[in-house]
Amino acid sequence: MADGSKAKTTKHLHGGVELEREGDEYFQKRQLQGGVAGWVLLAGLGVAYVISGDFAGWNFGLGEGGWGGLLIATVLMATMYLFMVFGLAELSSTISTTGGGYAFARRAMGPWGGFLTGTAILIEYAIAPAAIANFIGAYVNSLVGWDGWIVFLFFYAVFIGLHLWGVGEALKLMFAITAVAVFALIVFVVAAIPQFDPANLNNIPVDTTAAGASSFLPFGYIGIWAALPYAIWFFLAVEGVPLAAEESKDPARDMPKGIIGAMLALILFAALILVTAPGAAGSDFLKESGNPLVEALEAPLAYGGQTIVSGFINVVGLLGLIASFFSIIYAYSRQTFALSRAGYLPKFLSITGSRKTPTMALIIPGIIGFAMAVLNQGDLLILVAVFGATISYILMTASHIILRIKEPDLARPYRTPGGIVTTGIALVLAVAALVAGFLVDPRVLTITAAVFALAIAYFGLYSRHHIVGTAPEEEFALIESAESELH
């Protein structure tokens, strides 16, 4: 093999794949640093993944559904995420590996289900930083007049470098940046409240040809559906918390508390921003903004120009974007690491360096993301990231339901309130969100389908014949298979 470790290919076929048994040398080259994250740090990681969505991106939904359409879409997506997070809290307390969603689907639906889920998550996590980089460019441009590929390259290089430095240091720095960004959100809300006027919420001109059109729903009922992908931007990537399982102190206890705590905080932030920003500046003014919180304060309907507070939000708001950019780089590297360690992706991607960080799993997706960022299509990149994400949500919630039915006696340190009814509701809402992404821009289906086609070809023709049966995610699934055969 390319990394010099010895492998023994078994004759055993499981779920349509050929399993290889790797020795200690293979896994010694693929070790993460354990015990660095408690539940508070995990909750901070969950908020960090998402907090950029409060600073930019969500406002494009105003142009699709008006304030009323985006409000309803946000309530629906908050429900989807909360119910899905309850399911993921259970799964991550039960199957505590870096594979996250891929590991859950692998056990529930076999190798193909695991691979398709992992691929969908990778699409989300590789594309989301590219979209965030575009918003970072907009904020930097408003501060110092710089924009374009040189800004994107700088941020990718610096933050990939910080992750290569070490996970403990990276997570603590990420937590500090996120705390400052949260403070900036609070300052924004306090500054926006005195300028709030309910009439500003619904000031988008009404499309009288749309069914159900009104000042509340200026684009009619269809606008609610079209706004779903942008409502998702308030919560996108919180599901990545389980990817830190092998680096946490006590996954069975810390994972549920961390991911649920993060989700509750994100719901609060979404509610505050969705009401105060359009209420101060007017929905029509913000619907195409690249830095909506700054422009909300400087809008003619608000303070009418730059203020000390808007300048502060511009500087510190950049930290909110950086927090998500920084943390999702962590997420894509761990998902790539897990899929590579198990043989689904080229195995060299999971080799870790002296500081126990996956070097190539950080660099290779970063190069792809940088190339996508240079396209400077932030709104389209949001849709592609959301489209990949919603595919994974469908598969992960289905995995919870399947495992509850197939393995009712599986040890579950945390159990989802409402059981499969809860994750069933999340599954239905995820299907609606998936269709909505295609409704807004059919190109997202073409782009995502092309990536899936390449990935499926690679898996079908090569990697399924070289799966590492001794990888943690595979061992979880094989134990279940062996127990089923005994019964």
Protein backbone atom coordinates (compact mmCIF):
# COMPACT_ATOMS: atom_id res chain seq x y z
CA MET A 1 0.00 0.00 0.00
CA ALA A 2 1.03 3.63 -0.59
CA ASP A 3 1.71 4.39 3.08
CA GLY A 4 3.79 1.28 3.59
CA SER A 5 1.49 -0.49 6.05
CA LYS A 6 0.69 -4.15 5.57
CA ALA A 7 -2.80 -5.32 4.77
CA LYS A 8 -4.38 -8.74 4.51
CA THR A 9 -7.40 -8.98 2.25
CA THR A 10 -9.97 -11.43 3.59
CA LYS A 11 -12.35 -13.47 1.50
CA HIS A 12 -15.27 -12.15 3.50
CA LEU A 13 -17.85 -10.09 1.63
CA HIS A 14 -20.22 -7.97 3.72
CA GLY A 15 -22.99 -5.85 2.30
CA GLY A 16 -21.49 -6.00 -1.18
CA VAL A 17 -17.99 -4.91 -0.10
CA GLU A 18 -14.68 -6.74 0.31
CA LEU A 19 -13.06 -6.28 3.69
CA GLU A 20 -9.37 -5.84 4.44
CA ARG A 21 -7.87 -6.42 7.87
CA GLU A 22 -5.26 -3.81 8.75
CA GLY A 23 -2.71 -4.18 11.52
CA ASP A 24 -1.55 -1.87 14.30
CA GLU A 25 0.92 -0.04 12.05
CA TYR A 26 -1.94 1.19 9.85
CA PHE A 27 -3.86 2.72 12.76
CA GLN A 28 -0.77 4.11 14.48
CA LYS A 29 -0.43 6.39 11.46
CA ARG A 30 -4.06 7.43 11.82
CA GLN A 31 -4.51 8.56 15.42
CA LEU A 32 -6.39 11.62 16.63
CA GLN A 33 -5.73 13.34 19.95
CA GLY A 34 -8.34 12.16 22.43
CA GLY A 35 -9.78 13.74 25.57
CA VAL A 36 -9.48 17.39 24.52
CA ALA A 37 -13.18 18.42 24.45
CA GLY A 38 -15.83 18.43 27.17
CA TRP A 39 -19.50 19.22 26.56
CA VAL A 40 -19.08 23.00 26.86
CA LEU A 41 -16.36 23.00 24.20
CA LEU A 42 -18.55 20.73 22.04
CA ALA A 43 -21.49 23.13 22.40
CA GLY A 44 -19.14 25.96 21.42
CA LEU A 45 -18.06 23.93 18.41
CA GLY A 46 -21.72 23.47 17.40
CA VAL A 47 -22.38 27.22 17.66
CA ALA A 48 -19.13 27.99 15.83
CA TYR A 49 -20.16 25.78 12.90
CA VAL A 50 -23.28 27.84 12.38
CA ILE A 51 -22.81 31.37 13.72
CA SER A 52 -21.79 32.81 10.34
CA GLY A 53 -25.36 32.13 9.25
CA ASP A 54 -26.50 34.91 11.59
CA PHE A 55 -24.11 37.40 10.02
CA ALA A 56 -24.82 36.71 6.32
CA GLY A 57 -26.70 34.40 3.99
CA TRP A 58 -30.07 34.10 5.72
CA ASN A 59 -31.21 37.43 4.26
CA PHE A 60 -31.35 36.04 0.70
CA GLY A 61 -34.49 34.26 1.92
CA LEU A 62 -36.19 37.66 2.16
CA GLY A 63 -35.88 37.90 -1.62
CA GLU A 64 -37.48 34.49 -2.06
CA GLY A 65 -40.31 34.52 0.46
CA GLY A 66 -40.49 37.97 2.03
CA TRP A 67 -40.23 38.32 5.79
CA GLY A 68 -43.33 36.25 6.42
CA GLY A 69 -42.18 33.45 4.13
CA LEU A 70 -38.73 33.39 5.72
CA LEU A 71 -40.26 33.46 9.21
CA ILE A 72 -42.44 30.42 8.52
CA ALA A 73 -39.54 28.66 6.78
CA THR A 74 -37.29 29.34 9.79
CA VAL A 75 -39.85 27.91 12.23
CA LEU A 76 -40.13 24.77 10.07
CA MET A 77 -36.36 24.36 9.73
CA ALA A 78 -35.76 25.04 13.44
CA THR A 79 -38.21 22.22 14.14
CA MET A 80 -36.44 19.94 11.65
CA TYR A 81 -33.02 20.62 13.16
CA LEU A 82 -34.13 20.34 16.78
CA PHE A 83 -35.87 17.02 16.17
CA MET A 84 -32.93 15.72 14.10
CA VAL A 85 -30.48 16.84 16.80
CA PHE A 86 -32.41 14.81 19.37
CA GLY A 87 -31.92 11.78 17.13
CA LEU A 88 -28.24 12.53 16.55
CA ALA A 89 -27.71 12.96 20.30
CA GLU A 90 -28.92 9.39 20.75
CA LEU A 91 -26.88 8.01 17.86
CA SER A 92 -23.67 9.80 18.89
CA SER A 93 -23.96 8.53 22.47
CA THR A 94 -24.33 5.00 21.08
CA ILE A 95 -21.90 5.00 18.13
CA SER A 96 -19.11 7.33 19.27
CA THR A 97 -16.65 7.52 16.39
CA THR A 98 -15.27 10.28 14.18
CA GLY A 99 -17.42 8.98 11.32
CA GLY A 100 -20.50 10.76 12.69
CA GLY A 101 -23.39 10.56 10.23
CA TYR A 102 -21.52 8.12 7.99
CA ALA A 103 -21.04 5.74 10.94
CA PHE A 104 -24.73 5.93 11.90
CA ALA A 105 -25.90 5.19 8.36
CA ARG A 106 -23.24 2.49 7.93
CA ARG A 107 -24.69 0.52 10.83
CA ALA A 108 -28.30 1.13 9.85
CA MET A 109 -28.14 0.77 6.06
CA GLY A 110 -24.90 -1.00 5.22
CA PRO A 111 -21.83 0.16 3.29
CA TRP A 112 -23.70 1.88 0.47
CA GLY A 113 -25.89 3.80 2.90
CA GLY A 114 -22.82 4.85 4.90
CA PHE A 115 -20.91 5.91 1.80
CA LEU A 116 -23.78 7.96 0.34
CA THR A 117 -24.34 9.69 3.69
CA GLY A 118 -20.65 10.45 4.07
CA THR A 119 -20.49 11.81 0.52
CA ALA A 120 -23.48 14.10 1.12
CA ILE A 121 -21.86 15.42 4.32
CA LEU A 122 -18.60 16.03 2.48
CA ILE A 123 -20.41 18.03 -0.21
CA GLU A 124 -21.93 20.19 2.51
CA TYR A 125 -18.69 20.68 4.43
CA ALA A 126 -16.45 21.25 1.41
CA ILE A 127 -18.81 23.82 -0.15
CA ALA A 128 -20.00 25.68 2.96
CA PRO A 129 -16.56 27.22 3.73
CA ALA A 130 -16.39 28.41 0.12
CA ALA A 131 -19.72 30.23 0.53
CA ILE A 132 -18.55 31.67 3.86
CA ALA A 133 -15.31 32.80 2.21
CA ASN A 134 -17.39 34.88 -0.21
CA PHE A 135 -19.10 36.60 2.73
CA ILE A 136 -15.74 37.10 4.46
CA GLY A 137 -14.61 38.80 1.24
CA ALA A 138 -17.61 41.13 1.39
CA TYR A 139 -16.87 42.08 5.01
CA VAL A 140 -13.14 42.57 4.33
CA ASN A 141 -13.99 44.67 1.28
CA SER A 142 -16.21 46.94 3.35
CA LEU A 143 -13.42 47.32 5.92
CA VAL A 144 -10.27 47.78 3.84
CA GLY A 145 -11.35 47.56 0.18
CA TRP A 146 -9.74 44.16 -0.50
CA ASP A 147 -11.69 41.35 -2.11
CA GLY A 148 -11.26 38.37 -4.41
CA TRP A 149 -9.02 35.31 -4.56
CA ILE A 150 -6.17 36.74 -2.50
CA VAL A 151 -8.52 37.18 0.50
CA PHE A 152 -9.85 33.63 0.07
CA LEU A 153 -6.34 32.18 -0.22
CA PHE A 154 -5.17 34.03 2.90
CA PHE A 155 -8.01 32.74 5.06
CA TYR A 156 -7.81 29.17 3.78
CA ALA A 157 -4.03 29.06 4.32
CA VAL A 158 -4.12 30.58 7.81
CA PHE A 159 -6.93 28.48 9.22
CA ILE A 160 -5.88 25.19 7.69
CA GLY A 161 -2.47 25.97 9.18
CA LEU A 162 -3.99 26.52 12.62
CA HIS A 163 -5.73 23.14 12.43
CA LEU A 164 -2.46 21.49 11.47
CA TRP A 165 -0.98 23.05 14.62
CA GLY A 166 -3.18 20.84 16.84
CA VAL A 167 -6.82 20.12 17.62
CA GLY A 168 -6.75 21.19 21.27
CA GLU A 169 -5.31 24.57 20.40
CA ALA A 170 -7.64 24.97 17.41
CA LEU A 171 -10.80 24.15 19.39
CA LYS A 172 -9.90 26.55 22.20
CA LEU A 173 -9.13 29.36 19.76
CA MET A 174 -12.37 28.58 17.92
CA PHE A 175 -14.29 28.79 21.19
CA ALA A 176 -12.77 32.20 22.00
CA ILE A 177 -13.55 33.58 18.53
CA THR A 178 -17.12 32.28 18.79
CA ALA A 179 -17.61 33.92 22.19
CA VAL A 180 -16.59 37.31 20.75
CA ALA A 181 -18.92 36.78 17.76
CA VAL A 182 -21.82 36.00 20.10
CA PHE A 183 -21.08 39.24 21.95
CA ALA A 184 -21.23 41.08 18.61
CA LEU A 185 -24.70 39.59 17.94
CA ILE A 186 -25.88 40.85 21.33
CA VAL A 187 -24.49 44.33 20.61
CA PHE A 188 -26.25 44.34 17.24
CA VAL A 189 -29.61 43.38 18.73
CA VAL A 190 -29.32 46.08 21.41
CA ALA A 191 -28.45 48.70 18.76
CA ALA A 192 -31.21 47.59 16.37
CA ILE A 193 -34.09 47.51 18.87
CA PRO A 194 -34.46 51.34 19.13
CA GLN A 195 -34.84 51.52 15.33
CA PHE A 196 -37.36 48.68 15.15
CA ASP A 197 -40.59 49.39 13.28
CA PRO A 198 -43.02 46.52 12.53
CA ALA A 199 -43.88 48.16 9.18
CA ASN A 200 -40.30 47.57 8.02
CA LEU A 201 -40.73 43.81 8.20
CA ASN A 202 -43.24 43.63 5.37
CA ASN A 203 -42.11 46.42 3.02
CA ILE A 204 -41.21 44.20 0.03
CA PRO A 205 -43.50 44.96 -2.96
CA VAL A 206 -46.24 42.34 -3.35
CA ASP A 207 -46.27 40.09 -6.43
CA THR A 208 -50.00 40.18 -7.11
CA THR A 209 -49.76 37.27 -9.59
CA ALA A 210 -48.57 34.80 -6.91
CA ALA A 211 -51.12 32.58 -5.15
CA GLY A 212 -51.69 33.74 -1.58
CA ALA A 213 -49.67 36.94 -2.03
CA SER A 214 -49.95 39.58 0.70
CA SER A 215 -47.69 42.06 2.45
CA PHE A 216 -46.77 39.24 4.86
CA LEU A 217 -46.14 36.80 1.99
CA PRO A 218 -45.21 39.09 -0.94
CA PHE A 219 -44.33 36.13 -3.16
CA GLY A 220 -47.24 33.97 -2.09
CA TYR A 221 -47.27 30.51 -0.58
CA ILE A 222 -44.54 29.26 -2.90
CA GLY A 223 -42.21 31.81 -1.29
CA ILE A 224 -42.26 29.84 1.97
CA TRP A 225 -40.87 26.80 0.16
CA ALA A 226 -38.31 28.85 -1.75
CA ALA A 227 -37.08 30.40 1.52
CA LEU A 228 -36.36 27.04 3.18
CA PRO A 229 -32.71 26.73 2.01
CA TYR A 230 -31.91 30.17 3.43
CA ALA A 231 -33.69 29.41 6.71
CA ILE A 232 -31.41 26.36 6.92
CA TRP A 233 -28.43 28.74 6.87
CA PHE A 234 -29.35 29.71 10.45
CA PHE A 235 -28.59 26.12 11.56
CA LEU A 236 -26.49 24.47 8.85
CA ALA A 237 -23.66 22.21 10.13
CA VAL A 238 -24.69 21.92 13.81
CA GLU A 239 -25.04 18.22 12.99
CA GLY A 240 -21.22 18.12 12.73
CA VAL A 241 -20.70 17.98 16.51
CA PRO A 242 -20.54 14.13 16.54
CA LEU A 243 -17.46 14.32 14.29
CA ALA A 244 -15.52 15.26 17.44
CA ALA A 245 -16.45 12.01 19.22
CA GLU A 246 -12.98 10.47 19.30
CA GLU A 247 -11.47 13.75 20.53
CA SER A 248 -14.00 14.30 23.33
CA LYS A 249 -13.59 13.34 26.99
CA ASP A 250 -16.74 11.25 27.49
CA PRO A 251 -18.74 10.92 24.23
CA ALA A 252 -21.71 9.09 25.74
CA ARG A 253 -22.35 11.96 28.18
CA ASP A 254 -20.82 14.95 26.44
CA MET A 255 -22.18 14.54 22.91
CA PRO A 256 -25.92 14.82 23.75
CA LYS A 257 -25.39 17.81 26.06
CA GLY A 258 -23.07 19.53 23.59
CA ILE A 259 -25.19 19.22 20.45
CA ILE A 260 -28.54 19.97 22.15
CA GLY A 261 -27.07 22.97 24.00
CA ALA A 262 -25.69 24.35 20.74
CA MET A 263 -29.03 23.90 18.97
CA LEU A 264 -31.01 25.75 21.65
CA ALA A 265 -28.57 28.68 21.49
CA LEU A 266 -28.84 28.81 17.69
CA ILE A 267 -32.65 28.93 17.80
CA LEU A 268 -32.44 31.94 20.12
CA PHE A 269 -29.94 33.75 17.86
CA ALA A 270 -32.03 33.07 14.75
CA ALA A 271 -35.16 34.50 16.37
CA LEU A 272 -33.39 37.67 17.49
CA ILE A 273 -31.68 38.37 14.15
CA LEU A 274 -34.71 37.57 12.00
CA VAL A 275 -36.85 40.08 13.91
CA THR A 276 -34.44 42.92 14.67
CA ALA A 277 -32.43 43.24 11.42
CA PRO A 278 -35.35 43.54 8.94
CA GLY A 279 -37.32 45.45 11.59
CA ALA A 280 -34.63 48.13 11.71
CA ALA A 281 -33.59 48.41 8.06
CA GLY A 282 -36.55 47.03 6.11
CA SER A 283 -36.72 43.60 4.48
CA ASP A 284 -36.53 45.08 0.98
CA PHE A 285 -33.24 46.81 1.81
CA LEU A 286 -31.56 43.64 3.15
CA LYS A 287 -32.72 41.00 0.68
CA GLU A 288 -29.54 41.12 -1.44
CA SER A 289 -26.98 42.34 1.10
CA GLY A 290 -23.58 40.66 1.49
CA ASN A 291 -23.16 41.96 5.06
CA PRO A 292 -26.75 42.47 6.30
CA LEU A 293 -26.08 43.24 9.97
CA VAL A 294 -23.77 46.16 9.18
CA GLU A 295 -26.08 47.48 6.45
CA ALA A 296 -29.09 47.03 8.75
CA LEU A 297 -27.63 49.57 11.16
CA GLU A 298 -26.42 51.95 8.42
CA ALA A 299 -29.67 51.80 6.39
CA PRO A 300 -31.68 55.00 5.77
CA LEU A 301 -34.53 53.58 7.85
CA ALA A 302 -32.13 52.91 10.76
CA TYR A 303 -29.16 55.18 11.66
CA GLY A 304 -28.66 56.46 8.10
CA GLY A 305 -24.90 55.99 7.91
CA GLN A 306 -21.83 54.55 9.57
CA THR A 307 -21.75 54.59 13.36
CA ILE A 308 -19.34 53.36 16.00
CA VAL A 309 -21.57 50.35 16.57
CA SER A 310 -21.85 49.45 12.88
CA GLY A 311 -18.08 49.72 12.58
CA PHE A 312 -17.72 47.42 15.59
CA ILE A 313 -20.18 44.92 14.09
CA ASN A 314 -18.27 45.01 10.81
CA VAL A 315 -14.96 44.19 12.50
CA VAL A 316 -16.24 41.69 15.03
CA GLY A 317 -18.85 40.30 12.62
CA LEU A 318 -15.93 39.15 10.55
CA LEU A 319 -15.03 36.95 13.53
CA GLY A 320 -18.47 35.30 13.29
CA LEU A 321 -17.78 34.34 9.70
CA ILE A 322 -14.28 33.22 10.64
CA ALA A 323 -15.64 31.05 13.47
CA SER A 324 -17.80 29.04 11.08
CA PHE A 325 -15.14 28.98 8.39
CA PHE A 326 -12.59 27.75 10.93
CA SER A 327 -14.86 25.11 12.47
CA ILE A 328 -16.26 23.66 9.23
CA ILE A 329 -12.67 23.13 8.05
CA TYR A 330 -12.39 20.95 11.18
CA ALA A 331 -15.61 19.14 10.23
CA TYR A 332 -14.66 18.34 6.64
CA SER A 333 -11.24 17.09 7.74
CA ARG A 334 -12.74 14.67 10.30
CA GLN A 335 -15.35 13.35 7.86
CA THR A 336 -12.65 12.89 5.21
CA PHE A 337 -10.39 11.24 7.80
CA ALA A 338 -13.07 8.74 8.87
CA LEU A 339 -14.06 7.78 5.31
CA SER A 340 -10.41 7.44 4.32
CA ARG A 341 -9.40 5.42 7.40
CA ALA A 342 -12.16 2.94 6.56
CA GLY A 343 -11.10 2.76 2.89
CA TYR A 344 -14.07 4.57 1.32
CA LEU A 345 -11.75 7.37 0.17
CA PRO A 346 -8.04 7.07 -0.75
CA LYS A 347 -6.24 5.91 2.39
CA PHE A 348 -3.46 8.49 2.30
CA LEU A 349 -6.05 11.12 3.26
CA SER A 350 -6.30 9.72 6.81
CA ILE A 351 -2.61 9.73 7.72
CA THR A 352 -2.04 12.01 10.72
CA GLY A 353 1.06 14.06 11.47
CA SER A 354 3.13 14.38 14.64
CA ARG A 355 0.48 16.61 16.21
CA LYS A 356 -2.27 14.01 15.56
CA THR A 357 -4.05 16.04 12.89
CA PRO A 358 -5.03 14.60 9.46
CA THR A 359 -2.77 16.60 7.16
CA MET A 360 -4.09 15.72 3.69
CA ALA A 361 -7.71 15.56 4.91
CA LEU A 362 -7.29 19.25 5.80
CA ILE A 363 -5.42 20.33 2.67
CA ILE A 364 -7.13 18.51 -0.24
CA PRO A 365 -10.76 19.55 0.50
CA GLY A 366 -9.41 23.02 1.26
CA ILE A 367 -7.97 23.29 -2.24
CA ILE A 368 -11.35 22.25 -3.69
CA GLY A 369 -13.18 24.75 -1.50
CA PHE A 370 -10.81 27.56 -2.48
CA ALA A 371 -11.44 26.83 -6.18
CA MET A 372 -15.20 27.02 -5.55
CA ALA A 373 -14.85 30.27 -3.57
CA VAL A 374 -13.07 31.94 -6.48
CA LEU A 375 -16.28 31.51 -8.51
CA ASN A 376 -17.73 34.18 -6.17
CA GLN A 377 -21.26 32.74 -6.26
CA GLY A 378 -22.13 32.84 -2.56
CA ASP A 379 -25.88 32.37 -2.97
CA LEU A 380 -25.43 29.39 -5.33
CA LEU A 381 -22.81 27.82 -3.05
CA ILE A 382 -25.28 28.10 -0.14
CA LEU A 383 -27.82 26.15 -2.16
CA VAL A 384 -25.33 23.43 -3.12
CA ALA A 385 -24.17 23.08 0.51
CA VAL A 386 -27.78 22.94 1.70
CA PHE A 387 -28.70 20.41 -0.99
CA GLY A 388 -25.89 18.09 0.12
CA ALA A 389 -26.82 18.65 3.75
CA THR A 390 -30.50 17.81 3.29
CA ILE A 391 -29.60 14.53 1.56
CA SER A 392 -27.53 13.62 4.61
CA TYR A 393 -30.37 14.69 6.94
CA ILE A 394 -32.77 12.34 5.19
CA LEU A 395 -30.31 9.47 5.52
CA MET A 396 -29.34 10.22 9.14
CA THR A 397 -32.90 10.54 10.43
CA ALA A 398 -33.80 7.38 8.52
CA SER A 399 -30.83 5.69 10.23
CA HIS A 400 -32.24 6.57 13.66
CA ILE A 401 -35.61 5.14 12.72
CA ILE A 402 -34.11 1.96 11.21
CA LEU A 403 -31.87 1.31 14.23
CA ARG A 404 -34.76 1.85 16.67
CA ILE A 405 -36.76 -0.79 14.76
CA LYS A 406 -33.91 -3.19 13.86
CA GLU A 407 -31.97 -2.99 17.16
CA PRO A 408 -34.44 -2.05 19.92
CA ASP A 409 -32.14 -3.47 22.63
CA LEU A 410 -29.03 -1.53 21.57
CA ALA A 411 -27.49 0.27 24.55
CA ARG A 412 -28.51 3.92 24.29
CA PRO A 413 -27.07 6.21 27.01
CA TYR A 414 -29.35 8.98 25.70
CA ARG A 415 -32.78 8.33 24.17
CA THR A 416 -34.58 10.71 21.82
CA PRO A 417 -37.76 12.25 23.30
CA GLY A 418 -40.67 10.93 21.22
CA GLY A 419 -38.53 8.26 19.58
CA ILE A 420 -39.08 7.64 15.89
CA VAL A 421 -42.04 10.06 15.77
CA THR A 422 -39.59 12.90 16.46
CA THR A 423 -37.07 11.85 13.82
CA GLY A 424 -39.92 10.95 11.43
CA ILE A 425 -41.11 14.57 11.49
CA ALA A 426 -37.52 15.72 10.87
CA LEU A 427 -37.29 13.30 7.94
CA VAL A 428 -40.43 14.70 6.27
CA LEU A 429 -39.22 18.27 6.70
CA ALA A 430 -35.78 17.33 5.30
CA VAL A 431 -37.43 15.94 2.15
CA ALA A 432 -39.34 19.22 1.73
CA ALA A 433 -36.10 21.20 2.15
CA LEU A 434 -34.32 19.02 -0.42
CA VAL A 435 -36.98 19.72 -3.03
CA ALA A 436 -36.92 23.43 -2.16
CA GLY A 437 -33.24 23.73 -3.09
CA PHE A 438 -33.98 22.43 -6.56
CA LEU A 439 -36.99 24.75 -6.79
CA VAL A 440 -34.86 27.86 -6.19
CA ASP A 441 -32.10 26.97 -8.67
CA PRO A 442 -32.09 23.74 -10.74
CA ARG A 443 -28.29 24.02 -11.13
CA VAL A 444 -27.82 22.69 -7.60
CA LEU A 445 -29.23 19.32 -8.68
CA THR A 446 -26.86 19.18 -11.66
CA ILE A 447 -23.78 20.06 -9.58
CA THR A 448 -24.65 17.71 -6.72
CA ALA A 449 -25.60 14.86 -9.07
CA ALA A 450 -22.26 15.21 -10.88
CA VAL A 451 -20.31 14.96 -7.60
CA PHE A 452 -22.36 11.96 -6.48
CA ALA A 453 -21.87 10.25 -9.85
CA LEU A 454 -18.07 10.57 -9.57
CA ALA A 455 -18.11 9.38 -5.96
CA ILE A 456 -20.36 6.41 -6.70
CA ALA A 457 -18.19 5.40 -9.65
CA TYR A 458 -15.08 5.46 -7.43
CA PHE A 459 -16.79 3.46 -4.68
CA GLY A 460 -18.42 0.94 -7.01
CA LEU A 461 -15.36 0.29 -9.14
CA TYR A 462 -12.57 0.48 -6.56
CA SER A 463 -12.97 1.38 -2.91
CA ARG A 464 -15.72 -1.10 -2.01
CA HIS A 465 -13.15 -3.84 -2.71
CA HIS A 466 -10.72 -2.29 -0.20
CA ILE A 467 -12.83 -1.47 2.87
CA VAL A 468 -10.93 -1.68 6.17
CA GLY A 469 -13.00 -4.04 8.31
CA THR A 470 -11.03 -3.15 11.45
CA ALA A 471 -11.85 0.58 11.24
CA PRO A 472 -14.05 1.65 14.21
CA GLU A 473 -17.11 2.47 12.09
CA GLU A 474 -16.90 -0.87 10.30
CA GLU A 475 -16.41 -2.81 13.54
CA PHE A 476 -19.60 -1.29 14.96
CA ALA A 477 -21.51 -2.56 11.93
CA LEU A 478 -19.81 -5.98 11.84
CA ILE A 479 -20.58 -6.59 15.52
CA GLU A 480 -24.27 -5.99 14.76
CA SER A 481 -24.07 -8.33 11.75
CA ALA A 482 -22.45 -11.07 13.81
CA GLU A 483 -25.07 -10.73 16.56
CA SER A 484 -27.86 -10.96 13.96
CA GLU A 485 -26.35 -14.16 12.54
CA LEU A 486 -26.14 -15.69 16.03
CA HIS A 487 -29.84 -15.02 16.57
